[in-house]
């Protein structure tokens, strides 16, 4: 008696099924994190207004806990006015004002808020996509705008 193996092509629908289940599960986790209002975004790339994209190797992040904002982000670009010694860049812990969160059609969320520090006033626009990737646009009053790319930290403690 000879036992024949099924053709390899029959495995394809199963791997696709598991992949789409994992994708849906990740989208659900990202949605829950965004809806909870406690989001940590690990940032791995900065794109200054004038200049090249910079890959970030240190653990930079932006954390949103309700109205509390903890920003640990680098700044690359031109400052129109800067404090003596160069200042803190985008490293601060402040309370956000004018905070607004909206859900978009394709499952993405947009979070906008304003932060005033000793050095500057920043407008943040955070776009969170269903797959967990994030775009952060920061528009300071006294510096050039900068964009960051990263991912929602799914293991928030």
Protein backbone atom coordinates (compact mmCIF):
# COMPACT_ATOMS: atom_id res chain seq x y z
CA UNK A 1 0.00 0.00 0.00
CA UNK A 2 1.45 3.35 -1.04
CA UNK A 3 0.34 6.55 0.74
CA UNK A 4 0.48 9.61 -1.41
CA UNK A 5 1.06 13.06 0.02
CA UNK A 6 -1.39 15.80 -0.92
CA UNK A 7 -0.05 18.25 -3.48
CA UNK A 8 1.76 21.19 -1.89
CA UNK A 9 -0.59 23.68 -3.49
CA UNK A 10 -3.39 22.67 -1.08
CA UNK A 11 -1.42 24.28 1.76
CA UNK A 12 -1.74 27.71 0.18
CA UNK A 13 -5.33 28.48 1.23
CA UNK A 14 -4.53 27.58 4.85
CA UNK A 15 -1.48 29.84 5.11
CA UNK A 16 -3.49 32.67 3.58
CA UNK A 17 -6.30 32.04 6.07
CA UNK A 18 -3.93 32.17 9.05
CA UNK A 19 -2.22 35.28 7.69
CA UNK A 20 -5.55 37.11 7.33
CA UNK A 21 -6.58 35.99 10.85
CA UNK A 22 -3.32 37.36 12.26
CA UNK A 23 -3.84 40.60 10.33
CA UNK A 24 -7.40 40.96 11.69
CA UNK A 25 -6.20 40.20 15.22
CA UNK A 26 -3.43 42.82 14.97
CA UNK A 27 -5.92 45.38 13.63
CA UNK A 28 -8.22 44.61 16.58
CA UNK A 29 -5.35 45.06 19.10
CA UNK A 30 -4.28 48.36 17.45
CA UNK A 31 -7.90 49.61 17.54
CA UNK A 32 -8.21 48.69 21.26
CA UNK A 33 -4.96 50.50 22.10
CA UNK A 34 -6.01 53.63 20.19
CA UNK A 35 -9.50 53.60 21.74
CA UNK A 36 -8.00 53.20 25.24
CA UNK A 37 -6.24 56.56 24.85
CA UNK A 38 -2.94 55.05 26.11
CA UNK A 39 -0.69 54.78 23.08
CA UNK A 40 3.07 54.35 22.84
CA UNK A 41 4.57 54.86 19.41
CA UNK A 42 8.08 53.58 18.74
CA UNK A 43 9.64 55.85 16.13
CA UNK A 44 12.30 54.58 13.71
CA UNK A 45 12.53 57.26 11.02
CA UNK A 46 12.56 61.07 10.89
CA UNK A 47 12.05 63.17 7.78
CA UNK A 48 13.01 66.83 8.26
CA UNK A 49 11.31 69.42 6.03
CA UNK A 50 14.59 70.17 4.30
CA UNK A 51 16.86 67.20 4.06
CA UNK A 52 17.04 63.45 3.83
CA UNK A 53 15.21 60.80 5.75
CA UNK A 54 17.09 59.80 8.92
CA UNK A 55 16.88 56.23 10.21
CA UNK A 56 16.80 56.33 14.00
CA UNK A 57 18.72 53.65 15.85
CA UNK A 58 18.03 54.81 19.43
CA UNK A 59 14.67 54.00 21.04
CA UNK A 60 12.73 57.21 20.34
CA UNK A 61 9.03 57.34 21.16
CA UNK A 62 5.87 59.38 21.63
CA UNK A 63 3.44 58.39 24.39
CA UNK A 64 -0.12 59.61 24.67
CA UNK A 65 -1.87 58.94 27.99
CA UNK A 66 -5.18 60.78 27.77
CA UNK A 67 -4.14 64.45 27.73
CA UNK A 68 -0.59 63.75 28.94
CA UNK A 69 2.06 63.73 26.23
CA UNK A 70 5.52 62.26 26.77
CA UNK A 71 7.67 63.07 23.77
CA UNK A 72 11.15 61.65 23.39
CA UNK A 73 11.87 62.59 19.78
CA UNK A 74 14.94 64.05 18.08
CA UNK A 75 14.78 67.24 16.03
CA UNK A 76 16.50 67.77 12.71
CA UNK A 77 15.93 71.02 10.85
CA UNK A 78 16.20 74.77 11.04
CA UNK A 79 15.15 76.65 14.15
CA UNK A 80 14.00 80.22 13.48
CA UNK A 81 14.64 81.07 17.13
CA UNK A 82 16.19 78.69 19.64
CA UNK A 83 17.01 78.96 23.33
CA UNK A 84 20.63 79.41 24.39
CA UNK A 85 22.48 76.09 24.14
CA UNK A 86 20.11 74.64 21.52
CA UNK A 87 17.30 73.58 23.84
CA UNK A 88 15.57 70.29 24.46
CA UNK A 89 14.29 69.61 20.93
CA UNK A 90 11.16 67.49 21.09
CA UNK A 91 11.86 65.97 24.51
CA UNK A 92 9.16 66.96 26.99
CA UNK A 93 6.28 65.87 29.21
CA UNK A 94 3.35 68.24 28.90
CA UNK A 95 -0.44 68.38 28.86
CA UNK A 96 -2.04 68.53 25.42
CA UNK A 97 -4.66 71.13 24.59
CA UNK A 98 -7.15 71.17 21.70
CA UNK A 99 -6.94 67.36 21.57
CA UNK A 100 -9.14 65.77 18.95
CA UNK A 101 -9.41 62.12 17.90
CA UNK A 102 -11.27 60.96 14.81
CA UNK A 103 -11.68 57.62 13.06
CA UNK A 104 -11.27 57.55 9.31
CA UNK A 105 -13.04 55.39 6.73
CA UNK A 106 -10.46 52.66 6.23
CA UNK A 107 -9.91 51.94 9.92
CA UNK A 108 -7.21 54.52 10.53
CA UNK A 109 -7.38 57.05 13.37
CA UNK A 110 -6.19 60.63 13.51
CA UNK A 111 -5.17 62.29 16.77
CA UNK A 112 -4.47 66.02 16.72
CA UNK A 113 -3.27 68.07 19.67
CA UNK A 114 -1.32 71.16 20.64
CA UNK A 115 1.51 71.22 23.18
CA UNK A 116 3.14 74.32 24.68
CA UNK A 117 6.61 73.91 26.22
CA UNK A 118 9.05 76.48 27.63
CA UNK A 119 10.67 76.60 24.19
CA UNK A 120 7.91 76.40 21.61
CA UNK A 121 4.33 75.55 20.69
CA UNK A 122 3.85 72.34 18.70
CA UNK A 123 0.91 71.09 16.66
CA UNK A 124 0.93 67.29 16.40
CA UNK A 125 -1.02 65.25 13.87
CA UNK A 126 -0.73 61.51 14.56
CA UNK A 127 -2.13 59.12 11.96
CA UNK A 128 -2.48 55.50 13.18
CA UNK A 129 -3.15 52.92 10.46
CA UNK A 130 -4.92 49.57 11.05
CA UNK A 131 -1.67 47.59 10.60
CA UNK A 132 -0.10 49.54 13.50
CA UNK A 133 2.12 51.84 11.44
CA UNK A 134 2.07 55.50 12.42
CA UNK A 135 2.89 58.86 10.83
CA UNK A 136 3.53 61.80 13.16
CA UNK A 137 3.59 65.32 11.70
CA UNK A 138 4.97 67.96 14.07
CA UNK A 139 4.60 71.65 13.22
CA UNK A 140 6.45 73.93 15.67
CA UNK A 141 6.01 77.71 15.70
CA UNK A 142 9.75 78.51 15.90
CA UNK A 143 11.22 75.65 13.86
CA UNK A 144 10.68 73.86 10.55
CA UNK A 145 8.11 71.05 10.51
CA UNK A 146 9.26 67.43 10.80
CA UNK A 147 7.62 64.06 10.15
CA UNK A 148 8.28 60.81 12.01
CA UNK A 149 7.39 57.23 11.09
CA UNK A 150 7.02 54.31 13.46
CA UNK A 151 4.70 51.68 14.91
CA UNK A 152 2.26 51.35 17.77
CA UNK A 153 3.92 49.42 20.62
CA UNK A 154 1.63 46.41 21.05
CA UNK A 155 3.20 45.42 24.38
CA UNK A 156 2.22 48.50 26.39
CA UNK A 157 2.95 48.01 30.06
